[in-house]
Amino acid sequence: MADDKQIERRRFPRHCAVVADYRLINAGEPIKACQVKDISAVGICIIIYENIDPGMRIEIKVYLPGNPFPIIAKGGVVWVKEYKIESESRRRFNAGIEFIDVDKMDRQKIEHYIAANSKYKDDSY
């Protein structure tokens, strides 16, 4: 009999930030606001209102609580999945972004934020 629990395949812990701004690189599009679903030291999942293609390059500014300056990173879109909210007609997408270029200090800020706010702290040992 199969176990009903979903196996966690993530190699890096994640935690939700609050908001971010993004723009598609080389698309000539303006900066757009988005919500962050979760974030890790190697990537981010954002909630957006446009369908973008895997492989696209993106520049993102993440505003972590308690940090006066945003984390600035460039990344590649790895996957995009549409999801619907019954009461809304507006299309929404989760987009998984792998960081390609992020400053070492910014990566450390992300790691510190996750460690300080993680719901998955293991205190059972």
PDB file of N, CA and C in Angstrom:
ATOM      1  N   MET A   1       0.841  -1.188   0.000  1.00  0.00           N
ATOM      2  CA  MET A   1       0.000   0.000   0.000  1.00  0.00           C
ATOM      3  C   MET A   1       0.879   1.242   0.000  1.00  0.00           C
ATOM      4  N   ALA A   2       0.592   2.175  -0.856  1.00  0.00           N
ATOM      5  CA  ALA A   2       1.396   3.395  -0.987  1.00  0.00           C
ATOM      6  C   ALA A   2       1.110   4.347   0.161  1.00  0.00           C
ATOM      7  N   ASP A   3       2.138   5.032   0.584  1.00  0.00           N
ATOM      8  CA  ASP A   3       2.010   6.035   1.639  1.00  0.00           C
ATOM      9  C   ASP A   3       1.325   7.259   1.062  1.00  0.00           C
ATOM     10  N   ASP A   4       0.337   7.811   1.781  1.00  0.00           N
ATOM     11  CA  ASP A   4      -0.418   8.966   1.296  1.00  0.00           C
ATOM     12  C   ASP A   4       0.363  10.273   1.397  1.00  0.00           C
ATOM     13  N   LYS A   5       1.445  10.287   2.154  1.00  0.00           N
ATOM     14  CA  LYS A   5       2.237  11.506   2.295  1.00  0.00           C
ATOM     15  C   LYS A   5       3.078  11.726   1.051  1.00  0.00           C
ATOM     16  N   GLN A   6       3.123  12.973   0.606  1.00  0.00           N
ATOM     17  CA  GLN A   6       3.946  13.320  -0.536  1.00  0.00           C
ATOM     18  C   GLN A   6       5.402  13.402  -0.098  1.00  0.00           C
ATOM     19  N   ILE A   7       6.277  12.814  -0.862  1.00  0.00           N
ATOM     20  CA  ILE A   7       7.702  12.822  -0.542  1.00  0.00           C
ATOM     21  C   ILE A   7       8.286  14.181  -0.888  1.00  0.00           C
ATOM     22  N   GLU A   8       8.977  14.778   0.069  1.00  0.00           N
ATOM     23  CA  GLU A   8       9.632  16.071  -0.150  1.00  0.00           C
ATOM     24  C   GLU A   8      10.913  15.838  -0.935  1.00  0.00           C
ATOM     25  N   ARG A   9      10.980  16.389  -2.149  1.00  0.00           N
ATOM     26  CA  ARG A   9      12.140  16.200  -3.009  1.00  0.00           C
ATOM     27  C   ARG A   9      13.060  17.410  -3.028  1.00  0.00           C
ATOM     28  N   ARG A  10      12.700  18.454  -2.351  1.00  0.00           N
ATOM     29  CA  ARG A  10      13.512  19.664  -2.364  1.00  0.00           C
ATOM     30  C   ARG A  10      14.816  19.442  -1.622  1.00  0.00           C
ATOM     31  N   ARG A  11      15.887  19.971  -2.208  1.00  0.00           N
ATOM     32  CA  ARG A  11      17.199  19.844  -1.585  1.00  0.00           C
ATOM     33  C   ARG A  11      17.526  21.030  -0.689  1.00  0.00           C
ATOM     34  N   PHE A  12      16.805  22.133  -0.826  1.00  0.00           N
ATOM     35  CA  PHE A  12      17.081  23.333  -0.051  1.00  0.00           C
ATOM     36  C   PHE A  12      15.809  23.790   0.637  1.00  0.00           C
ATOM     37  N   PRO A  13      15.887  24.212   1.916  1.00  0.00           N
ATOM     38  CA  PRO A  13      14.693  24.701   2.602  1.00  0.00           C
ATOM     39  C   PRO A  13      14.168  25.968   1.936  1.00  0.00           C
ATOM     40  N   ARG A  14      12.862  26.191   2.089  1.00  0.00           N
ATOM     41  CA  ARG A  14      12.224  27.363   1.503  1.00  0.00           C
ATOM     42  C   ARG A  14      11.395  28.065   2.561  1.00  0.00           C
ATOM     43  N   HIS A  15      11.168  29.329   2.311  1.00  0.00           N
ATOM     44  CA  HIS A  15      10.282  30.090   3.173  1.00  0.00           C
ATOM     45  C   HIS A  15       9.663  31.198   2.341  1.00  0.00           C
ATOM     46  N   CYS A  16       8.490  31.591   2.708  1.00  0.00           N
ATOM     47  CA  CYS A  16       7.791  32.624   1.954  1.00  0.00           C
ATOM     48  C   CYS A  16       8.339  34.005   2.294  1.00  0.00           C
ATOM     49  N   ALA A  17       8.630  34.761   1.272  1.00  0.00           N
ATOM     50  CA  ALA A  17       8.955  36.177   1.455  1.00  0.00           C
ATOM     51  C   ALA A  17       7.631  36.916   1.286  1.00  0.00           C
ATOM     52  N   VAL A  18       7.642  38.140   0.948  1.00  0.00           N
ATOM     53  CA  VAL A  18       6.390  38.871   0.837  1.00  0.00           C
ATOM     54  C   VAL A  18       6.098  39.255  -0.608  1.00  0.00           C
ATOM     55  N   VAL A  19       6.805  40.211  -1.130  1.00  0.00           N
ATOM     56  CA  VAL A  19       6.554  40.680  -2.487  1.00  0.00           C
ATOM     57  C   VAL A  19       7.869  40.805  -3.253  1.00  0.00           C
ATOM     58  N   ALA A  20       7.722  40.945  -4.541  1.00  0.00           N
ATOM     59  CA  ALA A  20       8.890  41.134  -5.407  1.00  0.00           C
ATOM     60  C   ALA A  20       8.453  41.913  -6.633  1.00  0.00           C
ATOM     61  N   ASP A  21       9.421  42.419  -7.349  1.00  0.00           N
ATOM     62  CA  ASP A  21       9.220  43.027  -8.665  1.00  0.00           C
ATOM     63  C   ASP A  21      10.018  42.200  -9.653  1.00  0.00           C
ATOM     64  N   TYR A  22       9.512  42.075 -10.871  1.00  0.00           N
ATOM     65  CA  TYR A  22      10.260  41.325 -11.876  1.00  0.00           C
ATOM     66  C   TYR A  22      10.106  41.984 -13.234  1.00  0.00           C
ATOM     67  N   ARG A  23      11.039  41.645 -14.103  1.00  0.00           N
ATOM     68  CA  ARG A  23      10.909  42.042 -15.501  1.00  0.00           C
ATOM     69  C   ARG A  23      11.593  40.977 -16.336  1.00  0.00           C
ATOM     70  N   LEU A  24      11.024  40.746 -17.481  1.00  0.00           N
ATOM     71  CA  LEU A  24      11.614  39.795 -18.413  1.00  0.00           C
ATOM     72  C   LEU A  24      12.768  40.482 -19.111  1.00  0.00           C
ATOM     73  N   ILE A  25      13.927  39.875 -19.065  1.00  0.00           N
ATOM     74  CA  ILE A  25      15.120  40.451 -19.670  1.00  0.00           C
ATOM     75  C   ILE A  25      14.997  40.371 -21.196  1.00  0.00           C
ATOM     76  N   ASN A  26      15.381  41.411 -21.872  1.00  0.00           N
ATOM     77  CA  ASN A  26      15.360  41.506 -23.338  1.00  0.00           C
ATOM     78  C   ASN A  26      13.970  41.445 -23.940  1.00  0.00           C
ATOM     79  N   ALA A  27      12.953  41.676 -23.143  1.00  0.00           N
ATOM     80  CA  ALA A  27      11.602  41.673 -23.702  1.00  0.00           C
ATOM     81  C   ALA A  27      11.056  43.088 -23.836  1.00  0.00           C
ATOM     82  N   GLY A  28      11.786  44.075 -23.317  1.00  0.00           N
ATOM     83  CA  GLY A  28      11.343  45.455 -23.415  1.00  0.00           C
ATOM     84  C   GLY A  28      10.093  45.734 -22.618  1.00  0.00           C
ATOM     85  N   GLU A  29       9.788  44.876 -21.652  1.00  0.00           N
ATOM     86  CA  GLU A  29       8.577  45.050 -20.854  1.00  0.00           C
ATOM     87  C   GLU A  29       8.884  45.814 -19.572  1.00  0.00           C
ATOM     88  N   PRO A  30       7.857  46.456 -19.013  1.00  0.00           N
ATOM     89  CA  PRO A  30       8.067  47.203 -17.763  1.00  0.00           C
ATOM     90  C   PRO A  30       8.225  46.255 -16.574  1.00  0.00           C
ATOM     91  N   ILE A  31       8.656  46.819 -15.468  1.00  0.00           N
ATOM     92  CA  ILE A  31       8.752  46.079 -14.217  1.00  0.00           C
ATOM     93  C   ILE A  31       7.338  45.824 -13.708  1.00  0.00           C
ATOM     94  N   LYS A  32       7.104  44.604 -13.217  1.00  0.00           N
ATOM     95  CA  LYS A  32       5.781  44.223 -12.712  1.00  0.00           C
ATOM     96  C   LYS A  32       5.912  43.685 -11.300  1.00  0.00           C
ATOM     97  N   ALA A  33       4.885  43.921 -10.499  1.00  0.00           N
ATOM     98  CA  ALA A  33       4.861  43.393  -9.137  1.00  0.00           C
ATOM     99  C   ALA A  33       4.383  41.945  -9.168  1.00  0.00           C
ATOM    100  N   CYS A  34       4.860  41.171  -8.200  1.00  0.00           N
ATOM    101  CA  CYS A  34       4.402  39.793  -8.057  1.00  0.00           C
ATOM    102  C   CYS A  34       4.452  39.422  -6.590  1.00  0.00           C
ATOM    103  N   GLN A  35       3.858  38.304  -6.282  1.00  0.00           N
ATOM    104  CA  GLN A  35       3.899  37.774  -4.928  1.00  0.00           C
ATOM    105  C   GLN A  35       4.851  36.596  -4.905  1.00  0.00           C
ATOM    106  N   VAL A  36       5.554  36.422  -3.816  1.00  0.00           N
ATOM    107  CA  VAL A  36       6.476  35.305  -3.683  1.00  0.00           C
ATOM    108  C   VAL A  36       5.757  34.170  -2.974  1.00  0.00           C
ATOM    109  N   LYS A  37       5.740  33.015  -3.609  1.00  0.00           N
ATOM    110  CA  LYS A  37       5.137  31.830  -2.984  1.00  0.00           C
ATOM    111  C   LYS A  37       6.131  31.194  -2.034  1.00  0.00           C
ATOM    112  N   ASP A  38       7.356  30.982  -2.502  1.00  0.00           N
ATOM    113  CA  ASP A  38       8.424  30.519  -1.621  1.00  0.00           C
ATOM    114  C   ASP A  38       9.770  30.865  -2.225  1.00  0.00           C
ATOM    115  N   ILE A  39      10.787  30.798  -1.374  1.00  0.00           N
ATOM    116  CA  ILE A  39      12.124  31.196  -1.791  1.00  0.00           C
ATOM    117  C   ILE A  39      13.146  30.277  -1.136  1.00  0.00           C
ATOM    118  N   SER A  40      14.227  30.006  -1.850  1.00  0.00           N
ATOM    119  CA  SER A  40      15.354  29.259  -1.308  1.00  0.00           C
ATOM    120  C   SER A  40      16.625  29.975  -1.729  1.00  0.00           C
ATOM    121  N   ALA A  41      17.754  29.448  -1.316  1.00  0.00           N
ATOM    122  CA  ALA A  41      19.029  30.059  -1.683  1.00  0.00           C
ATOM    123  C   ALA A  41      19.342  29.896  -3.168  1.00  0.00           C
ATOM    124  N   VAL A  42      18.664  28.970  -3.836  1.00  0.00           N
ATOM    125  CA  VAL A  42      18.961  28.705  -5.248  1.00  0.00           C
ATOM    126  C   VAL A  42      17.833  29.084  -6.204  1.00  0.00           C
ATOM    127  N   GLY A  43      16.683  29.499  -5.674  1.00  0.00           N
ATOM    128  CA  GLY A  43      15.593  29.843  -6.571  1.00  0.00           C
ATOM    129  C   GLY A  43      14.381  30.379  -5.837  1.00  0.00           C
ATOM    130  N   ILE A  44      13.361  30.670  -6.622  1.00  0.00           N
ATOM    131  CA  ILE A  44      12.164  31.307  -6.080  1.00  0.00           C
ATOM    132  C   ILE A  44      10.951  30.871  -6.895  1.00  0.00           C
ATOM    133  N   CYS A  45       9.813  30.783  -6.244  1.00  0.00           N
ATOM    134  CA  CYS A  45       8.549  30.557  -6.934  1.00  0.00           C
ATOM    135  C   CYS A  45       7.720  31.815  -6.751  1.00  0.00           C
ATOM    136  N   ILE A  46       7.306  32.411  -7.875  1.00  0.00           N
ATOM    137  CA  ILE A  46       6.530  33.646  -7.815  1.00  0.00           C
ATOM    138  C   ILE A  46       5.144  33.411  -8.410  1.00  0.00           C
ATOM    139  N   ILE A  47       4.195  34.215  -7.949  1.00  0.00           N
ATOM    140  CA  ILE A  47       2.832  34.195  -8.470  1.00  0.00           C
ATOM    141  C   ILE A  47       2.692  35.408  -9.372  1.00  0.00           C
ATOM    142  N   ILE A  48       2.385  35.136 -10.643  1.00  0.00           N
ATOM    143  CA  ILE A  48       2.293  36.208 -11.640  1.00  0.00           C
ATOM    144  C   ILE A  48       0.963  36.108 -12.387  1.00  0.00           C
ATOM    145  N   TYR A  49       0.656  37.120 -13.169  1.00  0.00           N
ATOM    146  CA  TYR A  49      -0.609  37.180 -13.891  1.00  0.00           C
ATOM    147  C   TYR A  49      -0.414  37.153 -15.397  1.00  0.00           C
ATOM    148  N   GLU A  50       0.682  36.557 -15.827  1.00  0.00           N
ATOM    149  CA  GLU A  50       0.927  36.386 -17.253  1.00  0.00           C
ATOM    150  C   GLU A  50       1.604  35.041 -17.457  1.00  0.00           C
ATOM    151  N   ASN A  51       1.356  34.452 -18.598  1.00  0.00           N
ATOM    152  CA  ASN A  51       1.971  33.170 -18.916  1.00  0.00           C
ATOM    153  C   ASN A  51       3.311  33.439 -19.598  1.00  0.00           C
ATOM    154  N   ILE A  52       4.377  33.008 -18.959  1.00  0.00           N
ATOM    155  CA  ILE A  52       5.706  33.171 -19.537  1.00  0.00           C
ATOM    156  C   ILE A  52       6.261  31.784 -19.851  1.00  0.00           C
ATOM    157  N   ASP A  53       7.245  31.733 -20.689  1.00  0.00           N
ATOM    158  CA  ASP A  53       7.770  30.455 -21.148  1.00  0.00           C
ATOM    159  C   ASP A  53       9.004  30.016 -20.369  1.00  0.00           C
ATOM    160  N   PRO A  54       9.096  28.711 -20.085  1.00  0.00           N
ATOM    161  CA  PRO A  54      10.344  28.191 -19.517  1.00  0.00           C
ATOM    162  C   PRO A  54      11.507  28.552 -20.439  1.00  0.00           C
ATOM    163  N   GLY A  55      12.636  28.844 -19.827  1.00  0.00           N
ATOM    164  CA  GLY A  55      13.813  29.241 -20.586  1.00  0.00           C
ATOM    165  C   GLY A  55      13.991  30.745 -20.662  1.00  0.00           C
ATOM    166  N   MET A  56      12.931  31.505 -20.407  1.00  0.00           N
ATOM    167  CA  MET A  56      13.056  32.963 -20.434  1.00  0.00           C
ATOM    168  C   MET A  56      13.944  33.409 -19.278  1.00  0.00           C
ATOM    169  N   ARG A  57      14.633  34.511 -19.487  1.00  0.00           N
ATOM    170  CA  ARG A  57      15.479  35.106 -18.457  1.00  0.00           C
ATOM    171  C   ARG A  57      14.684  36.203 -17.755  1.00  0.00           C
ATOM    172  N   ILE A  58      14.914  36.313 -16.444  1.00  0.00           N
ATOM    173  CA  ILE A  58      14.134  37.237 -15.642  1.00  0.00           C
ATOM    174  C   ILE A  58      15.056  37.933 -14.642  1.00  0.00           C
ATOM    175  N   GLU A  59      14.767  39.192 -14.381  1.00  0.00           N
ATOM    176  CA  GLU A  59      15.452  39.923 -13.318  1.00  0.00           C
ATOM    177  C   GLU A  59      14.419  40.148 -12.225  1.00  0.00           C
ATOM    178  N   ILE A  60      14.807  39.898 -10.988  1.00  0.00           N
ATOM    179  CA  ILE A  60      13.840  39.972  -9.895  1.00  0.00           C
ATOM    180  C   ILE A  60      14.441  40.708  -8.706  1.00  0.00           C
ATOM    181  N   LYS A  61      13.604  41.518  -8.057  1.00  0.00           N
ATOM    182  CA  LYS A  61      13.970  42.198  -6.818  1.00  0.00           C
ATOM    183  C   LYS A  61      13.026  41.672  -5.747  1.00  0.00           C
ATOM    184  N   VAL A  62      13.598  41.081  -4.705  1.00  0.00           N
ATOM    185  CA  VAL A  62      12.811  40.487  -3.625  1.00  0.00           C
ATOM    186  C   VAL A  62      12.962  41.349  -2.380  1.00  0.00           C
ATOM    187  N   TYR A  63      11.833  41.707  -1.799  1.00  0.00           N
ATOM    188  CA  TYR A  63      11.824  42.569  -0.624  1.00  0.00           C
ATOM    189  C   TYR A  63      11.586  41.707   0.617  1.00  0.00           C
ATOM    190  N   LEU A  64      12.669  41.319   1.289  1.00  0.00           N
ATOM    191  CA  LEU A  64      12.571  40.516   2.495  1.00  0.00           C
ATOM    192  C   LEU A  64      12.239  41.404   3.684  1.00  0.00           C
ATOM    193  N   PRO A  65      11.321  40.975   4.533  1.00  0.00           N
ATOM    194  CA  PRO A  65      11.014  41.765   5.734  1.00  0.00           C
ATOM    195  C   PRO A  65      12.270  41.984   6.578  1.00  0.00           C
ATOM    196  N   GLY A  66      12.419  43.201   7.076  1.00  0.00           N
ATOM    197  CA  GLY A  66      13.551  43.513   7.936  1.00  0.00           C
ATOM    198  C   GLY A  66      14.816  43.904   7.192  1.00  0.00           C
ATOM    199  N   ASN A  67      14.796  43.854   5.868  1.00  0.00           N
ATOM    200  CA  ASN A  67      15.952  44.264   5.074  1.00  0.00           C
ATOM    201  C   ASN A  67      15.595  45.537   4.308  1.00  0.00           C
ATOM    202  N   PRO A  68      16.367  46.604   4.476  1.00  0.00           N
ATOM    203  CA  PRO A  68      16.020  47.871   3.828  1.00  0.00           C
ATOM    204  C   PRO A  68      16.241  47.879   2.316  1.00  0.00           C
ATOM    205  N   PHE A  69      17.082  46.959   1.819  1.00  0.00           N
ATOM    206  CA  PHE A  69      17.366  46.927   0.391  1.00  0.00           C
ATOM    207  C   PHE A  69      16.907  45.600  -0.195  1.00  0.00           C
ATOM    208  N   PRO A  70      16.374  45.612  -1.412  1.00  0.00           N
ATOM    209  CA  PRO A  70      15.911  44.356  -2.000  1.00  0.00           C
ATOM    210  C   PRO A  70      17.062  43.446  -2.422  1.00  0.00           C
ATOM    211  N   ILE A  71      16.761  42.158  -2.468  1.00  0.00           N
ATOM    212  CA  ILE A  71      17.667  41.176  -3.048  1.00  0.00           C
ATOM    213  C   ILE A  71      17.487  41.300  -4.556  1.00  0.00           C
ATOM    214  N   ILE A  72      18.565  41.444  -5.288  1.00  0.00           N
ATOM    215  CA  ILE A  72      18.478  41.558  -6.746  1.00  0.00           C
ATOM    216  C   ILE A  72      19.139  40.333  -7.359  1.00  0.00           C
ATOM    217  N   ALA A  73      18.409  39.654  -8.227  1.00  0.00           N
ATOM    218  CA  ALA A  73      18.935  38.433  -8.843  1.00  0.00           C
ATOM    219  C   ALA A  73      18.459  38.327 -10.283  1.00  0.00           C
ATOM    220  N   LYS A  74      19.227  37.588 -11.058  1.00  0.00           N
ATOM    221  CA  LYS A  74      18.810  37.203 -12.403  1.00  0.00           C
ATOM    222  C   LYS A  74      18.634  35.701 -12.393  1.00  0.00           C
ATOM    223  N   GLY A  75      17.667  35.243 -13.166  1.00  0.00           N
ATOM    224  CA  GLY A  75      17.408  33.814 -13.171  1.00  0.00           C
ATOM    225  C   GLY A  75      16.778  33.360 -14.462  1.00  0.00           C
ATOM    226  N   GLY A  76      16.571  32.067 -14.505  1.00  0.00           N
ATOM    227  CA  GLY A  76      15.920  31.453 -15.652  1.00  0.00           C
ATOM    228  C   GLY A  76      14.615  30.800 -15.220  1.00  0.00           C
ATOM    229  N   VAL A  77      13.596  30.959 -16.026  1.00  0.00           N
ATOM    230  CA  VAL A  77      12.304  30.336 -15.748  1.00  0.00           C
ATOM    231  C   VAL A  77      12.443  28.838 -16.022  1.00  0.00           C
ATOM    232  N   VAL A  78      12.188  28.031 -14.999  1.00  0.00           N
ATOM    233  CA  VAL A  78      12.322  26.582 -15.119  1.00  0.00           C
ATOM    234  C   VAL A  78      10.981  25.937 -15.440  1.00  0.00           C
ATOM    235  N   TRP A  79       9.917  26.411 -14.808  1.00  0.00           N
ATOM    236  CA  TRP A  79       8.590  25.860 -15.047  1.00  0.00           C
ATOM    237  C   TRP A  79       7.530  26.921 -14.765  1.00  0.00           C
ATOM    238  N   VAL A  80       6.358  26.733 -15.363  1.00  0.00           N
ATOM    239  CA  VAL A  80       5.209  27.620 -15.156  1.00  0.00           C
ATOM    240  C   VAL A  80       3.960  26.754 -15.109  1.00  0.00           C
ATOM    241  N   LYS A  81       3.115  26.977 -14.096  1.00  0.00           N
ATOM    242  CA  LYS A  81       1.869  26.224 -13.961  1.00  0.00           C
ATOM    243  C   LYS A  81       0.732  27.189 -13.671  1.00  0.00           C
ATOM    244  N   GLU A  82      -0.330  27.074 -14.460  1.00  0.00           N
ATOM    245  CA  GLU A  82      -1.504  27.905 -14.226  1.00  0.00           C
ATOM    246  C   GLU A  82      -2.323  27.312 -13.080  1.00  0.00           C
ATOM    247  N   TYR A  83      -2.923  28.182 -12.291  1.00  0.00           N
ATOM    248  CA  TYR A  83      -3.867  27.716 -11.278  1.00  0.00           C
ATOM    249  C   TYR A  83      -5.015  28.708 -11.204  1.00  0.00           C
ATOM    250  N   LYS A  84      -6.147  28.223 -10.745  1.00  0.00           N
ATOM    251  CA  LYS A  84      -7.348  29.046 -10.720  1.00  0.00           C
ATOM    252  C   LYS A  84      -7.881  29.180  -9.311  1.00  0.00           C
ATOM    253  N   ILE A  85      -8.449  30.335  -9.057  1.00  0.00           N
ATOM    254  CA  ILE A  85      -9.196  30.578  -7.836  1.00  0.00           C
ATOM    255  C   ILE A  85     -10.646  30.709  -8.267  1.00  0.00           C
ATOM    256  N   GLU A  86     -11.489  29.873  -7.699  1.00  0.00           N
ATOM    257  CA  GLU A  86     -12.888  29.778  -8.131  1.00  0.00           C
ATOM    258  C   GLU A  86     -13.609  31.123  -8.237  1.00  0.00           C
ATOM    259  N   SER A  87     -13.364  32.012  -7.292  1.00  0.00           N
ATOM    260  CA  SER A  87     -14.100  33.274  -7.254  1.00  0.00           C
ATOM    261  C   SER A  87     -13.517  34.354  -8.166  1.00  0.00           C
ATOM    262  N   GLU A  88     -12.426  34.042  -8.878  1.00  0.00           N
ATOM    263  CA  GLU A  88     -11.796  35.055  -9.737  1.00  0.00           C
ATOM    264  C   GLU A  88     -11.673  34.558 -11.171  1.00  0.00           C
ATOM    265  N   SER A  89     -11.800  35.473 -12.098  1.00  0.00           N
ATOM    266  CA  SER A  89     -11.653  35.111 -13.507  1.00  0.00           C
ATOM    267  C   SER A  89     -10.242  35.386 -14.030  1.00  0.00           C
ATOM    268  N   ARG A  90      -9.473  36.116 -13.270  1.00  0.00           N
ATOM    269  CA  ARG A  90      -8.113  36.476 -13.686  1.00  0.00           C
ATOM    270  C   ARG A  90      -7.204  35.243 -13.653  1.00  0.00           C
ATOM    271  N   ARG A  91      -6.427  35.066 -14.694  1.00  0.00           N
ATOM    272  CA  ARG A  91      -5.495  33.936 -14.770  1.00  0.00           C
ATOM    273  C   ARG A  91      -4.289  34.198 -13.880  1.00  0.00           C
ATOM    274  N   ARG A  92      -3.846  33.155 -13.190  1.00  0.00           N
ATOM    275  CA  ARG A  92      -2.661  33.242 -12.331  1.00  0.00           C
ATOM    276  C   ARG A  92      -1.730  32.090 -12.673  1.00  0.00           C
ATOM    277  N   PHE A  93      -0.450  32.352 -12.454  1.00  0.00           N
ATOM    278  CA  PHE A  93       0.559  31.336 -12.749  1.00  0.00           C
ATOM    279  C   PHE A  93       1.585  31.304 -11.627  1.00  0.00           C
ATOM    280  N   ASN A  94       2.000  30.115 -11.261  1.00  0.00           N
ATOM    281  CA  ASN A  94       3.177  29.932 -10.422  1.00  0.00           C
ATOM    282  C   ASN A  94       4.339  29.749 -11.384  1.00  0.00           C
ATOM    283  N   ALA A  95       5.427  30.450 -11.144  1.00  0.00           N
ATOM    284  CA  ALA A  95       6.615  30.330 -11.997  1.00  0.00           C
ATOM    285  C   ALA A  95       7.819  30.009 -11.125  1.00  0.00           C
ATOM    286  N   GLY A  96       8.480  28.918 -11.443  1.00  0.00           N
ATOM    287  CA  GLY A  96       9.692  28.525 -10.730  1.00  0.00           C
ATOM    288  C   GLY A  96      10.907  29.116 -11.423  1.00  0.00           C
ATOM    289  N   ILE A  97      11.666  29.883 -10.684  1.00  0.00           N
ATOM    290  CA  ILE A  97      12.830  30.582 -11.221  1.00  0.00           C
ATOM    291  C   ILE A  97      14.091  30.053 -10.531  1.00  0.00           C
ATOM    292  N   GLU A  98      15.070  29.644 -11.316  1.00  0.00           N
ATOM    293  CA  GLU A  98      16.360  29.243 -10.771  1.00  0.00           C
ATOM    294  C   GLU A  98      17.295  30.445 -10.848  1.00  0.00           C
ATOM    295  N   PHE A  99      17.895  30.804  -9.711  1.00  0.00           N
ATOM    296  CA  PHE A  99      18.830  31.924  -9.717  1.00  0.00           C
ATOM    297  C   PHE A  99      20.060  31.570 -10.542  1.00  0.00           C
ATOM    298  N   ILE A 100      20.459  32.485 -11.416  1.00  0.00           N
ATOM    299  CA  ILE A 100      21.660  32.323 -12.227  1.00  0.00           C
ATOM    300  C   ILE A 100      22.744  33.274 -11.730  1.00  0.00           C
ATOM    301  N   ASP A 101      22.327  34.486 -11.383  1.00  0.00           N
ATOM    302  CA  ASP A 101      23.266  35.506 -10.944  1.00  0.00           C
ATOM    303  C   ASP A 101      22.679  36.210  -9.726  1.00  0.00           C
ATOM    304  N   VAL A 102      23.262  35.934  -8.561  1.00  0.00           N
ATOM    305  CA  VAL A 102      22.849  36.601  -7.332  1.00  0.00           C
ATOM    306  C   VAL A 102      24.105  36.852  -6.498  1.00  0.00           C
ATOM    307  N   ASP A 103      24.192  38.039  -5.974  1.00  0.00           N
ATOM    308  CA  ASP A 103      25.341  38.432  -5.165  1.00  0.00           C
ATOM    309  C   ASP A 103      25.473  37.507  -3.957  1.00  0.00           C
ATOM    310  N   LYS A 104      26.696  37.197  -3.586  1.00  0.00           N
ATOM    311  CA  LYS A 104      26.963  36.301  -2.457  1.00  0.00           C
ATOM    312  C   LYS A 104      26.316  36.826  -1.171  1.00  0.00           C
ATOM    313  N   MET A 105      26.403  38.121  -0.932  1.00  0.00           N
ATOM    314  CA  MET A 105      25.796  38.709   0.272  1.00  0.00           C
ATOM    315  C   MET A 105      24.269  38.590   0.233  1.00  0.00           C
ATOM    316  N   ASP A 106      23.674  38.766  -0.957  1.00  0.00           N
ATOM    317  CA  ASP A 106      22.227  38.622  -1.083  1.00  0.00           C
ATOM    318  C   ASP A 106      21.807  37.171  -0.832  1.00  0.00           C
ATOM    319  N   ARG A 107      22.591  36.220  -1.324  1.00  0.00           N
ATOM    320  CA  ARG A 107      22.291  34.807  -1.080  1.00  0.00           C
ATOM    321  C   ARG A 107      22.347  34.509   0.423  1.00  0.00           C
ATOM    322  N   GLN A 108      23.316  35.103   1.107  1.00  0.00           N
ATOM    323  CA  GLN A 108      23.424  34.915   2.549  1.00  0.00           C
ATOM    324  C   GLN A 108      22.239  35.538   3.283  1.00  0.00           C
ATOM    325  N   LYS A 109      21.735  36.674   2.789  1.00  0.00           N
ATOM    326  CA  LYS A 109      20.540  37.287   3.389  1.00  0.00           C
ATOM    327  C   LYS A 109      19.338  36.354   3.259  1.00  0.00           C
ATOM    328  N   ILE A 110      19.215  35.719   2.091  1.00  0.00           N
ATOM    329  CA  ILE A 110      18.122  34.762   1.879  1.00  0.00           C
ATOM    330  C   ILE A 110      18.253  33.597   2.853  1.00  0.00           C
ATOM    331  N   GLU A 111      19.448  33.035   2.948  1.00  0.00           N
ATOM    332  CA  GLU A 111      19.677  31.898   3.843  1.00  0.00           C
ATOM    333  C   GLU A 111      19.374  32.273   5.295  1.00  0.00           C
ATOM    334  N   HIS A 112      19.796  33.466   5.710  1.00  0.00           N
ATOM    335  CA  HIS A 112      19.538  33.923   7.070  1.00  0.00           C
ATOM    336  C   HIS A 112      18.032  34.086   7.302  1.00  0.00           C
ATOM    337  N   TYR A 113      17.345  34.675   6.345  1.00  0.00           N
ATOM    338  CA  TYR A 113      15.904  34.868   6.452  1.00  0.00           C
ATOM    339  C   TYR A 113      15.188  33.528   6.584  1.00  0.00           C
ATOM    340  N   ILE A 114      15.567  32.561   5.766  1.00  0.00           N
ATOM    341  CA  ILE A 114      14.942  31.237   5.815  1.00  0.00           C
ATOM    342  C   ILE A 114      15.206  30.575   7.164  1.00  0.00           C
ATOM    343  N   ALA A 115      16.447  30.621   7.623  1.00  0.00           N
ATOM    344  CA  ALA A 115      16.798  29.994   8.902  1.00  0.00           C
ATOM    345  C   ALA A 115      16.024  30.620  10.062  1.00  0.00           C
ATOM    346  N   ALA A 116      15.843  31.923  10.014  1.00  0.00           N
ATOM    347  CA  ALA A 116      15.156  32.622  11.094  1.00  0.00           C
ATOM    348  C   ALA A 116      13.645  32.419  11.071  1.00  0.00           C
ATOM    349  N   ASN A 117      13.080  32.064   9.914  1.00  0.00           N
ATOM    350  CA  ASN A 117      11.629  31.988   9.769  1.00  0.00           C
ATOM    351  C   ASN A 117      11.100  30.621   9.374  1.00  0.00           C
ATOM    352  N   SER A 118      11.945  29.638   9.312  1.00  0.00           N
ATOM    353  CA  SER A 118      11.534  28.328   8.812  1.00  0.00           C
ATOM    354  C   SER A 118      10.529  27.648   9.725  1.00  0.00           C
ATOM    355  N   LYS A 119       9.486  27.086   9.110  1.00  0.00           N
ATOM    356  CA  LYS A 119       8.489  26.295   9.821  1.00  0.00           C
ATOM    357  C   LYS A 119       8.998  24.878  10.045  1.00  0.00           C
ATOM    358  N   TYR A 120      10.086  24.527   9.389  1.00  0.00           N
ATOM    359  CA  TYR A 120      10.549  23.152   9.381  1.00  0.00           C
ATOM    360  C   TYR A 120      11.787  22.940  10.237  1.00  0.00           C
ATOM    361  N   LYS A 121      11.962  23.755  11.256  1.00  0.00           N
ATOM    362  CA  LYS A 121      13.118  23.588  12.135  1.00  0.00           C
ATOM    363  C   LYS A 121      13.025  22.220  12.800  1.00  0.00           C
ATOM    364  N   ASP A 122      14.100  21.493  12.772  1.00  0.00           N
ATOM    365  CA  ASP A 122      14.112  20.139  13.342  1.00  0.00           C
ATOM    366  C   ASP A 122      14.629  20.213  14.767  1.00  0.00           C
ATOM    367  N   ASP A 123      13.712  20.181  15.722  1.00  0.00           N
ATOM    368  CA  ASP A 123      14.128  20.200  17.122  1.00  0.00           C
ATOM    369  C   ASP A 123      13.785  18.876  17.795  1.00  0.00           C
ATOM    370  N   SER A 124      13.658  17.806  17.010  1.00  0.00           N
ATOM    371  CA  SER A 124      13.287  16.511  17.568  1.00  0.00           C
ATOM    372  C   SER A 124      14.473  15.720  18.074  1.00  0.00           C
ATOM    373  N   TYR A 125      15.690  16.185  17.858  1.00  0.00           N
ATOM    374  CA  TYR A 125      16.863  15.423  18.291  1.00  0.00           C
ATOM    375  C   TYR A 125      17.489  16.030  19.510  1.00  0.00           C
TER     376      TYR A 125
END
